[in-house]
Structure formats: structure tokens, C-alpha cells
């Protein structure tokens, strides 16, 4: 699970994610990881929320897809994601919590040259959903009208963390590590780290300890 904040218009994409990966067993901190993947040859960004499906999908798109761009890929994505989901047996419940995943594509259309955004949700059989321009915040929090981007992303993620921390541990969207901002314009991609959460070192030590325990 993860935080995803994105802002799009006709010519620009901003995508921010955290870097914390958690254990499927107890939702504890297990790894720091990349959650938004740039695909330069298709001029697009792939990311996801929920169960970690985005990394598997990125590999398939990068190594096994012959497509012209984001719109062409959109024609094949629903069936391909459904197959990955079923083959990996990701549909089963986990500790009583139904596992879900949403994949997002953000990119420059090979047809119009403008920004296009698509979502594919496991809860809807990964059917293609075209997203309108604007702001997306997952998990949702209220957004002040005067918030400034990208500076306001750090504030939003901290608010997400506060809300999620009040839930039972297995229902929480764990958010942590660092905040990575990926942008795409007509000129290309930029990737930068714009924040680090206060418990970064604490979570990292937990990861090291768990790794040593599991590999004795």
C-alpha cells in the first residue's frame, strides 16, 4: 500500500509517492522501494496503489509489449492486468482484508501530444478509466484551496499518515520513507526526492533486523 498524489493538466504531470514497502503478514516495515516507474520510450509513468502490482506490470510493459504509446497500450492493459492478477493468486483475502490494486498510467498521447491519464482497478476487473485533468490524492484527505504544489505534497502526505495511524494496523495504508516526485512535460522527465519522514531511520533499522532474522 502507498501514498499517491498526482496533479495533471494538458501539458504537465506531477506524481508523488512514498517509498515504504510493508510485510503482507503483519503490515510492518519491510523495505524501501520505488513505486513510480518512468517508461521513456513510451513517454509515460506507471504507478499503483494497494497490492504491489505496478512493479510486475512495469516489467511486462518494458520487456514484453510492442505498442506505440500510452493510448495504444491502453487497448491491451485491462486483459493483461487481469491475467497477472489471477496468475499471481492476488485475489485472495489477506488476514480478513480483501486485497485490491489500482494501476495508473500517466503520459503523453502518441495521438494528440497532450497528457493522458488512465486508471485500472482490480475492483472493476481492471477496465480502462480515463481520468480528467486535476488533482488525485490516495488515500483521500481534504485539500485546502490555497495549497501550493509541489510544496504542499509534504503536508498532504503527513496528513495521510496521521489519519491512517488511527486505524487498526492491518487496515492502515502505511506511508513512510521518502517522498519521491516524478514529473513529465513535453521536455521530458525529472525525478527528485522532496522529503523524508521523521521515522525513516527507525523503519530502516526494523527492516535490517527483520532481514537478519529471516535469513539466519
N, C-alpha and C. Protein backbone atom coordinates (compact mmCIF):
# COMPACT_ATOMS: atom_id res chain seq x y z
N UNK A 1 0.84 -1.18 0.00
CA UNK A 1 0.00 0.00 0.00
C UNK A 1 0.88 1.24 0.00
N UNK A 2 0.32 2.37 -0.38
CA UNK A 2 1.18 3.53 -0.53
C UNK A 2 0.37 4.81 -0.64
N UNK A 3 1.10 5.92 -0.54
CA UNK A 3 0.53 7.22 -0.84
C UNK A 3 0.78 7.54 -2.31
N UNK A 4 -0.23 8.08 -2.95
CA UNK A 4 -0.10 8.54 -4.32
C UNK A 4 -0.80 9.89 -4.44
N UNK A 5 -0.05 10.89 -4.86
CA UNK A 5 -0.60 12.21 -5.10
C UNK A 5 -0.19 12.62 -6.51
N UNK A 6 -1.17 12.97 -7.33
CA UNK A 6 -0.83 13.38 -8.69
C UNK A 6 -1.62 14.61 -9.09
N UNK A 7 -1.02 15.39 -9.98
CA UNK A 7 -1.62 16.61 -10.49
C UNK A 7 -1.33 16.67 -11.98
N UNK A 8 -2.38 16.81 -12.77
CA UNK A 8 -2.22 16.80 -14.22
C UNK A 8 -2.95 17.97 -14.87
N UNK A 9 -2.40 18.43 -15.98
CA UNK A 9 -3.12 19.32 -16.89
C UNK A 9 -2.73 18.89 -18.30
N UNK A 10 -3.02 19.70 -19.27
CA UNK A 10 -2.81 19.30 -20.67
C UNK A 10 -1.34 19.06 -21.00
N UNK A 11 -0.45 19.74 -20.28
CA UNK A 11 0.97 19.68 -20.64
C UNK A 11 1.90 19.17 -19.55
N UNK A 12 1.38 18.91 -18.35
CA UNK A 12 2.25 18.58 -17.22
C UNK A 12 1.67 17.46 -16.36
N UNK A 13 2.59 16.68 -15.81
CA UNK A 13 2.22 15.64 -14.85
C UNK A 13 3.15 15.75 -13.65
N UNK A 14 2.58 15.76 -12.45
CA UNK A 14 3.35 15.60 -11.22
C UNK A 14 2.82 14.35 -10.52
N UNK A 15 3.72 13.44 -10.17
CA UNK A 15 3.34 12.22 -9.45
C UNK A 15 4.26 12.08 -8.25
N UNK A 16 3.67 12.00 -7.05
CA UNK A 16 4.46 11.84 -5.83
C UNK A 16 4.05 10.55 -5.12
N UNK A 17 5.03 9.81 -4.67
CA UNK A 17 4.79 8.58 -3.90
C UNK A 17 5.73 8.55 -2.70
N UNK A 18 5.38 7.75 -1.71
CA UNK A 18 6.33 7.45 -0.65
C UNK A 18 7.14 6.24 -1.09
N UNK A 19 8.05 5.77 -0.24
CA UNK A 19 8.92 4.65 -0.62
C UNK A 19 8.84 3.46 0.32
N UNK A 20 7.88 3.45 1.24
CA UNK A 20 7.81 2.38 2.23
C UNK A 20 7.06 1.16 1.70
N UNK A 21 7.70 0.00 1.76
CA UNK A 21 7.04 -1.26 1.48
C UNK A 21 6.81 -2.02 2.77
N UNK A 22 5.69 -2.72 2.87
CA UNK A 22 5.33 -3.39 4.13
C UNK A 22 5.13 -4.89 3.94
N UNK A 23 5.19 -5.60 5.05
CA UNK A 23 5.01 -7.04 5.05
C UNK A 23 3.54 -7.40 4.86
N UNK A 24 3.28 -8.37 4.01
CA UNK A 24 1.90 -8.84 3.82
C UNK A 24 1.40 -9.60 5.04
N UNK A 25 2.32 -10.04 5.90
CA UNK A 25 1.95 -10.82 7.08
C UNK A 25 1.38 -9.95 8.19
N UNK A 26 2.08 -8.84 8.51
CA UNK A 26 1.65 -8.04 9.66
C UNK A 26 1.68 -6.53 9.39
N UNK A 27 1.89 -6.14 8.13
CA UNK A 27 1.90 -4.73 7.72
C UNK A 27 3.04 -3.95 8.36
N UNK A 28 4.09 -4.66 8.79
CA UNK A 28 5.25 -3.98 9.36
C UNK A 28 6.17 -3.50 8.25
N UNK A 29 7.08 -2.59 8.58
CA UNK A 29 8.01 -2.04 7.60
C UNK A 29 8.96 -3.14 7.11
N UNK A 30 9.07 -3.32 5.79
CA UNK A 30 9.90 -4.42 5.28
C UNK A 30 10.96 -4.00 4.28
N UNK A 31 10.73 -2.89 3.55
CA UNK A 31 11.67 -2.50 2.50
C UNK A 31 11.39 -1.07 2.06
N UNK A 32 12.42 -0.41 1.57
CA UNK A 32 12.22 0.84 0.85
C UNK A 32 12.27 0.52 -0.64
N UNK A 33 11.35 1.09 -1.40
CA UNK A 33 11.18 0.66 -2.77
C UNK A 33 10.68 1.80 -3.66
N UNK A 34 10.85 1.65 -4.96
CA UNK A 34 10.34 2.59 -5.94
C UNK A 34 8.91 2.22 -6.30
N UNK A 35 8.02 3.22 -6.35
CA UNK A 35 6.61 2.96 -6.62
C UNK A 35 6.09 3.65 -7.88
N UNK A 36 6.89 4.51 -8.47
CA UNK A 36 6.52 5.13 -9.75
C UNK A 36 7.64 4.85 -10.73
N UNK A 37 7.29 4.30 -11.88
CA UNK A 37 8.27 3.84 -12.86
C UNK A 37 8.15 4.65 -14.14
N UNK A 38 9.25 5.26 -14.56
CA UNK A 38 9.22 6.01 -15.81
C UNK A 38 9.51 5.06 -16.97
N UNK A 39 8.81 5.27 -18.07
CA UNK A 39 8.97 4.46 -19.28
C UNK A 39 9.29 5.43 -20.41
N UNK A 40 10.55 5.82 -20.56
CA UNK A 40 10.90 6.89 -21.50
C UNK A 40 10.50 6.61 -22.94
N UNK A 41 10.62 5.35 -23.38
CA UNK A 41 10.33 5.08 -24.79
C UNK A 41 8.84 5.20 -25.11
N UNK A 42 8.00 5.16 -24.07
CA UNK A 42 6.56 5.36 -24.27
C UNK A 42 6.09 6.71 -23.73
N UNK A 43 7.04 7.48 -23.18
CA UNK A 43 6.73 8.82 -22.62
C UNK A 43 5.61 8.73 -21.58
N UNK A 44 5.79 7.84 -20.62
CA UNK A 44 4.75 7.65 -19.62
C UNK A 44 5.32 7.22 -18.28
N UNK A 45 4.46 7.31 -17.25
CA UNK A 45 4.78 6.90 -15.89
C UNK A 45 3.77 5.85 -15.46
N UNK A 46 4.25 4.79 -14.84
CA UNK A 46 3.39 3.73 -14.30
C UNK A 46 3.51 3.74 -12.78
N UNK A 47 2.39 3.72 -12.08
CA UNK A 47 2.42 3.60 -10.63
C UNK A 47 1.15 2.91 -10.17
N UNK A 48 1.06 2.62 -8.88
CA UNK A 48 -0.10 1.91 -8.39
C UNK A 48 -0.32 2.09 -6.92
N UNK A 49 -1.49 1.69 -6.46
CA UNK A 49 -1.82 1.67 -5.04
C UNK A 49 -2.35 0.30 -4.68
N UNK A 50 -2.39 0.00 -3.37
CA UNK A 50 -2.87 -1.31 -2.94
C UNK A 50 -1.77 -2.35 -3.07
N UNK A 51 -2.16 -3.56 -3.41
CA UNK A 51 -1.19 -4.64 -3.59
C UNK A 51 -0.17 -4.25 -4.66
N UNK A 52 1.08 -4.62 -4.43
CA UNK A 52 2.17 -4.23 -5.33
C UNK A 52 2.07 -4.97 -6.66
N UNK A 53 1.35 -4.37 -7.58
CA UNK A 53 1.22 -4.91 -8.93
C UNK A 53 2.00 -4.08 -9.94
N UNK A 54 2.30 -2.82 -9.60
CA UNK A 54 2.91 -1.90 -10.55
C UNK A 54 4.28 -2.38 -11.02
N UNK A 55 5.09 -2.92 -10.10
CA UNK A 55 6.43 -3.37 -10.49
C UNK A 55 6.36 -4.52 -11.48
N UNK A 56 5.44 -5.46 -11.25
CA UNK A 56 5.26 -6.58 -12.18
C UNK A 56 4.79 -6.07 -13.54
N UNK A 57 3.88 -5.11 -13.50
CA UNK A 57 3.34 -4.58 -14.75
C UNK A 57 4.40 -3.80 -15.52
N UNK A 58 5.22 -3.04 -14.82
CA UNK A 58 6.28 -2.29 -15.49
C UNK A 58 7.20 -3.23 -16.26
N UNK A 59 7.57 -4.34 -15.65
CA UNK A 59 8.47 -5.29 -16.32
C UNK A 59 7.82 -5.83 -17.59
N UNK A 60 6.55 -6.16 -17.51
CA UNK A 60 5.87 -6.69 -18.70
C UNK A 60 5.77 -5.64 -19.80
N UNK A 61 5.43 -4.41 -19.42
CA UNK A 61 5.33 -3.34 -20.42
C UNK A 61 6.69 -3.08 -21.05
N UNK A 62 7.72 -3.06 -20.23
CA UNK A 62 9.05 -2.71 -20.72
C UNK A 62 9.69 -3.82 -21.54
N UNK A 63 9.45 -5.08 -21.14
CA UNK A 63 10.14 -6.20 -21.77
C UNK A 63 9.28 -7.00 -22.74
N UNK A 64 7.95 -6.83 -22.69
CA UNK A 64 7.12 -7.72 -23.49
C UNK A 64 5.95 -7.07 -24.20
N UNK A 65 6.03 -5.76 -24.43
CA UNK A 65 4.92 -5.08 -25.10
C UNK A 65 5.42 -4.35 -26.34
N UNK A 66 4.72 -4.54 -27.46
CA UNK A 66 5.05 -3.84 -28.70
C UNK A 66 3.90 -2.87 -28.97
N UNK A 67 4.05 -1.66 -28.46
CA UNK A 67 3.00 -0.65 -28.59
C UNK A 67 3.62 0.70 -28.95
N UNK A 68 2.80 1.60 -29.46
CA UNK A 68 3.29 2.91 -29.90
C UNK A 68 3.37 3.92 -28.77
N UNK A 69 2.49 3.80 -27.79
CA UNK A 69 2.44 4.80 -26.72
C UNK A 69 1.34 4.48 -25.74
N UNK A 70 1.00 5.44 -24.90
CA UNK A 70 0.07 5.22 -23.80
C UNK A 70 -1.33 4.86 -24.28
N UNK A 71 -1.79 5.45 -25.39
CA UNK A 71 -3.13 5.14 -25.88
C UNK A 71 -3.20 3.74 -26.47
N UNK A 72 -2.16 3.36 -27.21
CA UNK A 72 -2.11 2.02 -27.78
C UNK A 72 -2.03 0.98 -26.66
N UNK A 73 -1.20 1.25 -25.65
CA UNK A 73 -1.08 0.34 -24.52
C UNK A 73 -2.41 0.19 -23.79
N UNK A 74 -3.18 1.26 -23.72
CA UNK A 74 -4.46 1.22 -23.04
C UNK A 74 -5.40 0.15 -23.61
N UNK A 75 -5.28 -0.13 -24.89
CA UNK A 75 -6.14 -1.13 -25.53
C UNK A 75 -5.87 -2.53 -24.98
N UNK A 76 -4.64 -2.77 -24.55
CA UNK A 76 -4.24 -4.12 -24.12
C UNK A 76 -4.16 -4.28 -22.61
N UNK A 77 -4.15 -3.17 -21.88
CA UNK A 77 -3.87 -3.21 -20.44
C UNK A 77 -4.90 -3.99 -19.62
N UNK A 78 -6.22 -3.78 -19.81
CA UNK A 78 -7.18 -4.49 -18.95
C UNK A 78 -7.01 -6.01 -18.94
N UNK A 79 -6.92 -6.61 -20.10
CA UNK A 79 -6.79 -8.07 -20.17
C UNK A 79 -5.46 -8.54 -19.60
N UNK A 80 -4.40 -7.78 -19.88
CA UNK A 80 -3.07 -8.17 -19.39
C UNK A 80 -3.00 -8.09 -17.87
N UNK A 81 -3.54 -7.03 -17.28
CA UNK A 81 -3.53 -6.90 -15.82
C UNK A 81 -4.38 -7.98 -15.16
N UNK A 82 -5.50 -8.28 -15.76
CA UNK A 82 -6.37 -9.32 -15.20
C UNK A 82 -5.65 -10.66 -15.17
N UNK A 83 -4.89 -10.94 -16.19
CA UNK A 83 -4.15 -12.21 -16.24
C UNK A 83 -3.06 -12.25 -15.16
N UNK A 84 -2.32 -11.16 -15.02
CA UNK A 84 -1.28 -11.12 -13.98
C UNK A 84 -1.90 -11.31 -12.60
N UNK A 85 -3.01 -10.65 -12.37
CA UNK A 85 -3.70 -10.70 -11.08
C UNK A 85 -4.14 -12.12 -10.73
N UNK A 86 -4.73 -12.81 -11.71
CA UNK A 86 -5.21 -14.16 -11.47
C UNK A 86 -4.06 -15.16 -11.38
N UNK A 87 -3.06 -15.01 -12.24
CA UNK A 87 -1.93 -15.94 -12.23
C UNK A 87 -1.15 -15.87 -10.92
N UNK A 88 -1.07 -14.67 -10.35
CA UNK A 88 -0.32 -14.49 -9.11
C UNK A 88 -1.16 -14.80 -7.88
N UNK A 89 -2.42 -15.18 -8.10
CA UNK A 89 -3.32 -15.51 -7.00
C UNK A 89 -3.46 -14.35 -6.03
N UNK A 90 -3.51 -13.13 -6.58
CA UNK A 90 -3.59 -11.94 -5.73
C UNK A 90 -5.00 -11.62 -5.29
N UNK A 91 -5.96 -12.39 -5.76
CA UNK A 91 -7.35 -12.05 -5.48
C UNK A 91 -7.80 -12.53 -4.10
N UNK A 92 -7.03 -13.43 -3.47
CA UNK A 92 -7.44 -13.98 -2.17
C UNK A 92 -7.38 -12.94 -1.06
N UNK A 93 -8.17 -13.16 -0.02
CA UNK A 93 -8.14 -12.29 1.14
C UNK A 93 -6.83 -12.45 1.89
N UNK A 94 -6.45 -11.39 2.60
CA UNK A 94 -5.26 -11.42 3.43
C UNK A 94 -5.64 -11.04 4.85
N UNK A 95 -5.58 -12.02 5.76
CA UNK A 95 -5.94 -11.77 7.17
C UNK A 95 -7.30 -11.10 7.29
N UNK A 96 -8.23 -11.53 6.45
CA UNK A 96 -9.58 -11.00 6.53
C UNK A 96 -9.79 -9.70 5.78
N UNK A 97 -8.74 -9.15 5.17
CA UNK A 97 -8.84 -7.89 4.43
C UNK A 97 -8.74 -8.20 2.94
N UNK A 98 -9.74 -7.77 2.18
CA UNK A 98 -9.72 -8.02 0.74
C UNK A 98 -8.59 -7.24 0.07
N UNK A 99 -7.76 -7.93 -0.69
CA UNK A 99 -6.66 -7.28 -1.38
C UNK A 99 -7.16 -6.63 -2.67
N UNK A 100 -6.72 -5.42 -2.90
CA UNK A 100 -7.09 -4.70 -4.11
C UNK A 100 -5.86 -4.00 -4.67
N UNK A 101 -5.96 -3.59 -5.93
CA UNK A 101 -4.86 -2.85 -6.55
C UNK A 101 -5.43 -1.96 -7.64
N UNK A 102 -4.84 -0.79 -7.78
CA UNK A 102 -5.17 0.12 -8.88
C UNK A 102 -3.88 0.53 -9.57
N UNK A 103 -3.84 0.37 -10.87
CA UNK A 103 -2.70 0.78 -11.68
C UNK A 103 -3.05 2.09 -12.38
N UNK A 104 -2.08 3.02 -12.39
CA UNK A 104 -2.27 4.31 -13.05
C UNK A 104 -1.23 4.47 -14.15
N UNK A 105 -1.67 4.98 -15.29
CA UNK A 105 -0.79 5.36 -16.39
C UNK A 105 -0.93 6.87 -16.61
N UNK A 106 0.20 7.56 -16.62
CA UNK A 106 0.23 8.98 -16.94
C UNK A 106 1.24 9.16 -18.08
N UNK A 107 0.86 9.87 -19.14
CA UNK A 107 1.81 10.04 -20.22
C UNK A 107 1.36 10.97 -21.30
N UNK A 108 2.24 11.15 -22.27
CA UNK A 108 1.96 11.98 -23.43
C UNK A 108 1.34 11.11 -24.52
N UNK A 109 0.17 11.48 -24.97
CA UNK A 109 -0.52 10.71 -26.00
C UNK A 109 0.26 10.73 -27.31
N UNK A 110 0.42 9.55 -27.89
CA UNK A 110 1.06 9.48 -29.20
C UNK A 110 0.14 9.97 -30.30
N UNK A 111 -1.13 10.17 -29.97
CA UNK A 111 -2.09 10.64 -30.96
C UNK A 111 -2.27 12.16 -30.92
N UNK A 112 -2.48 12.71 -29.71
CA UNK A 112 -2.75 14.15 -29.61
C UNK A 112 -1.55 14.96 -29.13
N UNK A 113 -0.58 14.32 -28.52
CA UNK A 113 0.56 15.03 -27.95
C UNK A 113 0.27 15.63 -26.59
N UNK A 114 -0.95 15.48 -26.10
CA UNK A 114 -1.34 16.02 -24.80
C UNK A 114 -1.24 14.95 -23.72
N UNK A 115 -1.26 15.38 -22.47
CA UNK A 115 -1.22 14.46 -21.35
C UNK A 115 -2.49 13.62 -21.32
N UNK A 116 -2.32 12.32 -21.10
CA UNK A 116 -3.44 11.41 -20.89
C UNK A 116 -3.21 10.64 -19.61
N UNK A 117 -4.29 10.33 -18.90
CA UNK A 117 -4.20 9.57 -17.65
C UNK A 117 -5.26 8.49 -17.64
N UNK A 118 -4.86 7.28 -17.23
CA UNK A 118 -5.78 6.15 -17.16
C UNK A 118 -5.63 5.46 -15.81
N UNK A 119 -6.73 4.90 -15.32
CA UNK A 119 -6.71 4.07 -14.11
C UNK A 119 -7.33 2.72 -14.43
N UNK A 120 -6.80 1.68 -13.77
CA UNK A 120 -7.28 0.31 -13.94
C UNK A 120 -7.41 -0.30 -12.55
N UNK A 121 -8.64 -0.59 -12.12
CA UNK A 121 -8.90 -1.01 -10.74
C UNK A 121 -9.28 -2.48 -10.69
N UNK A 122 -8.65 -3.20 -9.77
CA UNK A 122 -8.99 -4.62 -9.60
C UNK A 122 -10.45 -4.78 -9.21
N UNK A 123 -11.00 -3.81 -8.50
CA UNK A 123 -12.40 -3.89 -8.08
C UNK A 123 -13.37 -3.72 -9.25
N UNK A 124 -12.84 -3.33 -10.41
CA UNK A 124 -13.67 -3.17 -11.61
C UNK A 124 -13.10 -3.98 -12.76
N UNK A 125 -12.48 -5.11 -12.42
CA UNK A 125 -11.94 -6.02 -13.45
C UNK A 125 -10.89 -5.34 -14.33
N UNK A 126 -10.23 -4.33 -13.79
CA UNK A 126 -9.17 -3.60 -14.50
C UNK A 126 -9.65 -2.93 -15.79
N UNK A 127 -10.93 -2.60 -15.84
CA UNK A 127 -11.44 -1.89 -17.00
C UNK A 127 -10.80 -0.51 -17.10
N UNK A 128 -10.57 -0.04 -18.31
CA UNK A 128 -9.91 1.25 -18.53
C UNK A 128 -10.81 2.40 -18.10
N UNK A 129 -10.25 3.31 -17.34
CA UNK A 129 -10.96 4.51 -16.89
C UNK A 129 -10.11 5.74 -17.24
N UNK A 130 -10.62 6.60 -18.09
CA UNK A 130 -9.90 7.83 -18.43
C UNK A 130 -10.10 8.86 -17.32
N UNK A 131 -9.00 9.41 -16.82
CA UNK A 131 -9.06 10.38 -15.74
C UNK A 131 -9.04 11.80 -16.29
N UNK A 132 -9.85 12.66 -15.72
CA UNK A 132 -9.86 14.07 -16.10
C UNK A 132 -8.63 14.76 -15.52
N UNK A 133 -8.27 15.91 -16.08
CA UNK A 133 -7.17 16.69 -15.53
C UNK A 133 -7.53 17.16 -14.12
N UNK A 134 -6.51 17.25 -13.27
CA UNK A 134 -6.75 17.73 -11.92
C UNK A 134 -5.91 17.00 -10.90
N UNK A 135 -6.35 17.06 -9.66
CA UNK A 135 -5.62 16.53 -8.52
C UNK A 135 -6.20 15.21 -8.06
N UNK A 136 -5.33 14.26 -7.76
CA UNK A 136 -5.74 13.00 -7.16
C UNK A 136 -4.92 12.74 -5.91
N UNK A 137 -5.58 12.34 -4.82
CA UNK A 137 -4.90 12.09 -3.55
C UNK A 137 -5.39 10.76 -3.00
N UNK A 138 -4.49 9.78 -2.90
CA UNK A 138 -4.81 8.44 -2.41
C UNK A 138 -3.83 8.04 -1.32
N UNK A 139 -4.29 7.67 -0.12
CA UNK A 139 -5.67 7.70 0.36
C UNK A 139 -6.17 9.13 0.49
N UNK A 140 -7.48 9.32 0.38
CA UNK A 140 -8.03 10.68 0.30
C UNK A 140 -7.89 11.46 1.59
N UNK A 141 -7.57 12.75 1.45
CA UNK A 141 -7.62 13.71 2.55
C UNK A 141 -8.17 15.02 1.98
N UNK A 142 -8.68 15.86 2.84
CA UNK A 142 -9.18 17.15 2.38
C UNK A 142 -8.00 18.02 1.95
N UNK A 143 -8.20 18.80 0.91
CA UNK A 143 -7.14 19.64 0.35
C UNK A 143 -7.56 21.10 0.43
N UNK A 144 -6.74 21.91 1.07
CA UNK A 144 -7.04 23.33 1.18
C UNK A 144 -6.95 24.00 -0.19
N UNK A 145 -7.82 24.99 -0.41
CA UNK A 145 -7.87 25.66 -1.71
C UNK A 145 -6.59 26.41 -2.03
N UNK A 146 -5.89 26.89 -0.99
CA UNK A 146 -4.70 27.71 -1.23
C UNK A 146 -3.40 26.90 -1.22
N UNK A 147 -3.50 25.58 -1.24
CA UNK A 147 -2.29 24.76 -1.22
C UNK A 147 -1.49 24.97 -2.50
N UNK A 148 -0.16 24.98 -2.35
CA UNK A 148 0.74 25.22 -3.47
C UNK A 148 1.49 23.93 -3.79
N UNK A 149 1.59 23.62 -5.07
CA UNK A 149 2.31 22.41 -5.49
C UNK A 149 3.59 22.81 -6.22
N UNK A 150 4.65 22.01 -6.08
CA UNK A 150 4.69 20.73 -5.35
C UNK A 150 4.95 20.84 -3.85
N UNK A 151 5.14 22.07 -3.35
CA UNK A 151 5.50 22.22 -1.93
C UNK A 151 4.48 21.59 -0.99
N UNK A 152 3.20 21.65 -1.35
CA UNK A 152 2.15 21.14 -0.47
C UNK A 152 2.08 19.63 -0.37
N UNK A 153 2.82 18.92 -1.20
CA UNK A 153 2.77 17.46 -1.19
C UNK A 153 3.23 16.89 0.14
N UNK A 154 4.28 17.48 0.72
CA UNK A 154 4.79 17.01 2.01
C UNK A 154 3.71 17.13 3.08
N UNK A 155 3.01 18.25 3.10
CA UNK A 155 1.93 18.46 4.07
C UNK A 155 0.83 17.43 3.88
N UNK A 156 0.44 17.16 2.63
CA UNK A 156 -0.63 16.21 2.37
C UNK A 156 -0.26 14.80 2.83
N UNK A 157 0.97 14.40 2.55
CA UNK A 157 1.37 13.05 2.96
C UNK A 157 1.43 12.92 4.47
N UNK A 158 1.87 13.95 5.16
CA UNK A 158 1.89 13.90 6.62
C UNK A 158 0.47 13.80 7.18
N UNK A 159 -0.48 14.46 6.54
CA UNK A 159 -1.87 14.35 6.97
C UNK A 159 -2.42 12.96 6.68
N UNK A 160 -2.04 12.37 5.56
CA UNK A 160 -2.43 11.00 5.27
C UNK A 160 -1.92 10.05 6.36
N UNK A 161 -0.68 10.22 6.75
CA UNK A 161 -0.08 9.38 7.79
C UNK A 161 -0.84 9.51 9.11
N UNK A 162 -1.20 10.72 9.46
CA UNK A 162 -1.92 10.95 10.72
C UNK A 162 -3.27 10.22 10.71
N UNK A 163 -3.98 10.32 9.61
CA UNK A 163 -5.30 9.67 9.52
C UNK A 163 -5.15 8.16 9.55
N UNK A 164 -4.21 7.62 8.78
CA UNK A 164 -4.05 6.17 8.70
C UNK A 164 -3.59 5.58 10.04
N UNK A 165 -2.82 6.35 10.80
CA UNK A 165 -2.29 5.83 12.07
C UNK A 165 -3.38 5.58 13.11
N UNK A 166 -4.57 6.13 12.89
CA UNK A 166 -5.68 5.93 13.84
C UNK A 166 -6.44 4.63 13.56
N UNK A 167 -6.13 3.94 12.46
CA UNK A 167 -6.84 2.73 12.08
C UNK A 167 -6.14 1.48 12.64
N UNK A 168 -6.87 0.36 12.73
CA UNK A 168 -6.21 -0.90 13.10
C UNK A 168 -5.05 -1.19 12.14
N UNK A 169 -3.98 -1.79 12.64
CA UNK A 169 -2.74 -1.91 11.89
C UNK A 169 -2.94 -2.58 10.53
N UNK A 170 -3.77 -3.62 10.44
CA UNK A 170 -3.93 -4.32 9.17
C UNK A 170 -4.82 -3.57 8.19
N UNK A 171 -5.46 -2.50 8.64
CA UNK A 171 -6.29 -1.69 7.76
C UNK A 171 -5.58 -0.40 7.34
N UNK A 172 -4.41 -0.17 7.90
CA UNK A 172 -3.69 1.06 7.60
C UNK A 172 -3.03 1.02 6.23
N UNK A 173 -3.03 2.15 5.54
CA UNK A 173 -2.14 2.37 4.41
C UNK A 173 -0.86 2.94 5.02
N UNK A 174 0.17 2.11 5.11
CA UNK A 174 1.43 2.55 5.73
C UNK A 174 2.17 3.46 4.77
N UNK A 175 2.56 4.62 5.22
CA UNK A 175 3.23 5.63 4.40
C UNK A 175 4.52 6.02 5.11
N UNK A 176 5.64 5.98 4.40
CA UNK A 176 6.89 6.31 5.06
C UNK A 176 8.06 6.37 4.10
N UNK A 177 9.25 6.40 4.70
CA UNK A 177 10.46 6.50 3.89
C UNK A 177 10.68 7.92 3.40
N UNK A 178 10.76 8.07 2.11
CA UNK A 178 10.97 9.37 1.48
C UNK A 178 9.83 9.68 0.51
N UNK A 179 9.74 10.93 0.13
CA UNK A 179 8.75 11.36 -0.86
C UNK A 179 9.48 11.60 -2.17
N UNK A 180 9.12 10.85 -3.18
CA UNK A 180 9.76 10.96 -4.49
C UNK A 180 8.78 11.60 -5.47
N UNK A 181 9.23 12.66 -6.10
CA UNK A 181 8.40 13.41 -7.05
C UNK A 181 8.89 13.14 -8.47
N UNK A 182 8.00 12.66 -9.31
CA UNK A 182 8.30 12.42 -10.72
C UNK A 182 7.43 13.33 -11.56
N UNK A 183 8.05 14.02 -12.52
CA UNK A 183 7.29 14.93 -13.38
C UNK A 183 7.56 14.60 -14.84
N UNK A 184 6.59 14.90 -15.67
CA UNK A 184 6.72 14.71 -17.11
C UNK A 184 6.10 15.90 -17.82
N UNK A 185 6.86 16.48 -18.72
CA UNK A 185 6.38 17.55 -19.59
C UNK A 185 6.80 17.21 -21.02
N UNK A 186 6.52 18.11 -21.93
CA UNK A 186 6.94 17.91 -23.32
C UNK A 186 8.46 17.79 -23.44
N UNK A 187 9.19 18.35 -22.46
CA UNK A 187 10.66 18.32 -22.49
C UNK A 187 11.24 17.04 -21.93
N UNK A 188 10.45 16.28 -21.17
CA UNK A 188 10.95 15.02 -20.63
C UNK A 188 10.65 14.85 -19.16
N UNK A 189 11.40 13.94 -18.52
CA UNK A 189 11.16 13.55 -17.14
C UNK A 189 12.13 14.23 -16.17
N UNK A 190 11.68 14.44 -14.93
CA UNK A 190 12.56 14.75 -13.82
C UNK A 190 12.12 13.92 -12.62
N UNK A 191 13.10 13.49 -11.82
CA UNK A 191 12.81 12.72 -10.61
C UNK A 191 13.63 13.33 -9.47
N UNK A 192 12.97 13.61 -8.36
CA UNK A 192 13.67 14.21 -7.22
C UNK A 192 13.04 13.74 -5.92
N UNK A 193 13.85 13.76 -4.85
CA UNK A 193 13.36 13.45 -3.51
C UNK A 193 13.07 14.77 -2.81
N UNK A 194 11.83 14.95 -2.37
CA UNK A 194 11.42 16.25 -1.82
C UNK A 194 11.13 16.19 -0.32
N UNK A 195 11.30 15.04 0.30
CA UNK A 195 11.06 14.94 1.74
C UNK A 195 11.44 13.59 2.28
N UNK A 196 11.70 13.55 3.59
CA UNK A 196 11.99 12.31 4.30
C UNK A 196 11.23 12.34 5.61
N UNK A 197 10.52 11.26 5.92
CA UNK A 197 9.71 11.23 7.13
C UNK A 197 10.59 11.02 8.37
N UNK A 198 10.08 11.51 9.50
CA UNK A 198 10.87 11.54 10.73
C UNK A 198 11.28 10.16 11.21
N UNK A 199 10.50 9.12 10.88
CA UNK A 199 10.80 7.76 11.34
C UNK A 199 11.56 6.94 10.31
N UNK A 200 12.23 7.62 9.36
CA UNK A 200 12.97 6.92 8.31
C UNK A 200 14.00 5.96 8.90
N UNK A 201 14.85 6.46 9.81
CA UNK A 201 15.91 5.63 10.37
C UNK A 201 15.35 4.50 11.22
N UNK A 202 14.27 4.78 11.96
CA UNK A 202 13.64 3.75 12.79
C UNK A 202 13.09 2.62 11.93
N UNK A 203 12.40 2.98 10.84
CA UNK A 203 11.87 1.95 9.94
C UNK A 203 13.00 1.17 9.28
N UNK A 204 14.06 1.86 8.92
CA UNK A 204 15.19 1.19 8.28
C UNK A 204 15.82 0.16 9.21
N UNK A 205 15.93 0.48 10.50
CA UNK A 205 16.50 -0.48 11.44
C UNK A 205 15.61 -1.69 11.60
N UNK A 206 14.29 -1.48 11.58
CA UNK A 206 13.35 -2.60 11.63
C UNK A 206 13.56 -3.51 10.44
N UNK A 207 13.76 -2.93 9.27
CA UNK A 207 13.99 -3.72 8.05
C UNK A 207 15.26 -4.55 8.17
N UNK A 208 16.34 -3.92 8.65
CA UNK A 208 17.60 -4.65 8.81
C UNK A 208 17.44 -5.81 9.80
N UNK A 209 16.78 -5.54 10.92
CA UNK A 209 16.59 -6.59 11.94
C UNK A 209 15.76 -7.75 11.40
N UNK A 210 14.68 -7.43 10.68
CA UNK A 210 13.83 -8.48 10.11
C UNK A 210 14.59 -9.29 9.07
N UNK A 211 15.40 -8.62 8.28
CA UNK A 211 16.18 -9.32 7.25
C UNK A 211 17.16 -10.30 7.89
N UNK A 212 17.84 -9.86 8.95
CA UNK A 212 18.78 -10.75 9.62
C UNK A 212 18.08 -11.95 10.22
N UNK A 213 16.90 -11.70 10.84
CA UNK A 213 16.14 -12.78 11.47
C UNK A 213 15.67 -13.80 10.45
N UNK A 214 15.19 -13.32 9.32
CA UNK A 214 14.61 -14.20 8.29
C UNK A 214 15.67 -14.93 7.47
N UNK A 215 16.94 -14.52 7.58
CA UNK A 215 17.98 -15.13 6.76
C UNK A 215 19.07 -15.83 7.61
N UNK A 216 18.72 -16.17 8.83
CA UNK A 216 19.66 -16.92 9.66
C UNK A 216 19.73 -18.37 9.22
